[in-house]
Amino acid sequence: MRNSKLAALRAAFPYTVPIFAGFWFLAMAYGIQMSTSGFAFWYPMVMSAVIYGGSLEFVAVSMLLSIAGGTIVYMILIRVVF
């Protein structure tokens, strides 16, 4: 049983490396964008856990920095969470 799982992991691992590289690049770009925009280090982690859409996170940064956009984003997040 354990050998079959290990064999499956070894067979699947080469296919996951390109996907991991893409996600890692997007996560680093998003973290750098949030950091240079003046947000705390925990804010991107919370937004990534709450917002399930990669491109929406990048849009939310500019919306949070605008006057009315921040209110809209918080209203959407409250609606999604509750």
Protein backbone atom coordinates (compact mmCIF):
# COMPACT_ATOMS: atom_id res chain seq x y z
CA MET A 1 0.00 0.00 0.00
CA ARG A 2 2.71 2.46 0.96
CA ASN A 3 4.89 1.55 -2.02
CA SER A 4 2.04 2.22 -4.42
CA LYS A 5 1.48 5.69 -2.93
CA LEU A 6 5.18 6.46 -3.13
CA ALA A 7 5.30 5.25 -6.73
CA ALA A 8 2.31 7.44 -7.58
CA LEU A 9 3.98 10.44 -5.94
CA ARG A 10 7.19 9.86 -7.87
CA ALA A 11 5.24 9.56 -11.12
CA ALA A 12 3.16 12.70 -10.51
CA PHE A 13 5.87 14.98 -9.10
CA PRO A 14 7.46 16.00 -12.45
CA TYR A 15 4.05 17.17 -13.67
CA THR A 16 3.50 19.37 -10.61
CA VAL A 17 6.77 21.32 -10.86
CA PRO A 18 5.63 23.70 -13.67
CA ILE A 19 2.36 24.41 -11.87
CA PHE A 20 4.21 25.04 -8.62
CA ALA A 21 6.58 27.43 -10.41
CA GLY A 22 3.65 29.39 -11.84
CA PHE A 23 1.85 29.67 -8.52
CA TRP A 24 5.06 30.60 -6.73
CA PHE A 25 5.76 33.38 -9.24
CA LEU A 26 2.23 34.79 -8.88
CA ALA A 27 2.38 34.60 -5.09
CA MET A 28 5.70 36.43 -4.99
CA ALA A 29 4.46 39.10 -7.40
CA TYR A 30 1.31 39.61 -5.32
CA GLY A 31 3.28 39.80 -2.08
CA ILE A 32 5.69 42.33 -3.56
CA GLN A 33 2.82 44.43 -4.91
CA MET A 34 1.08 44.44 -1.53
CA SER A 35 4.32 45.26 0.28
CA THR A 36 5.18 48.17 -2.00
CA SER A 37 1.61 49.45 -1.68
CA GLY A 38 2.09 49.78 2.07
CA PHE A 39 0.08 46.86 3.42
CA ALA A 40 1.24 44.71 6.33
CA PHE A 41 2.82 41.31 5.65
CA TRP A 42 -0.22 39.39 6.95
CA TYR A 43 -2.70 41.16 4.69
CA PRO A 44 -1.84 39.22 1.48
CA MET A 45 -2.10 35.94 3.38
CA VAL A 46 -5.57 36.79 4.66
CA MET A 47 -6.73 37.99 1.25
CA SER A 48 -5.36 34.86 -0.43
CA ALA A 49 -7.26 32.70 2.03
CA VAL A 50 -10.51 34.64 1.62
CA ILE A 51 -10.48 35.53 -2.09
CA TYR A 52 -10.46 32.47 -4.33
CA GLY A 53 -9.45 34.14 -7.57
CA GLY A 54 -5.88 35.02 -8.44
CA SER A 55 -6.49 38.02 -10.66
CA LEU A 56 -9.08 39.50 -8.31
CA GLU A 57 -6.41 39.83 -5.64
CA PHE A 58 -4.37 42.10 -7.92
CA VAL A 59 -7.46 44.18 -8.71
CA ALA A 60 -8.35 44.39 -5.02
CA VAL A 61 -5.03 46.12 -4.26
CA SER A 62 -5.87 49.09 -6.45
CA MET A 63 -9.45 49.10 -5.20
CA LEU A 64 -8.31 49.16 -1.58
CA LEU A 65 -6.03 52.10 -2.29
CA SER A 66 -8.82 54.16 -3.85
CA ILE A 67 -11.29 56.01 -1.64
CA ALA A 68 -14.55 54.30 -2.60
CA GLY A 69 -12.92 51.06 -3.72
CA GLY A 70 -11.81 50.07 -0.24
CA THR A 71 -15.36 50.23 1.01
CA ILE A 72 -16.58 48.13 -1.91
CA VAL A 73 -13.91 45.47 -1.37
CA TYR A 74 -14.68 45.23 2.34
CA MET A 75 -18.40 44.94 1.59
CA ILE A 76 -17.72 42.12 -0.87
CA LEU A 77 -15.43 40.34 1.60
CA ILE A 78 -18.03 40.61 4.35
CA ARG A 79 -20.66 39.22 1.99
CA VAL A 80 -18.43 36.30 0.98
CA VAL A 81 -17.35 35.43 4.53
CA PHE A 82 -20.75 35.80 6.19
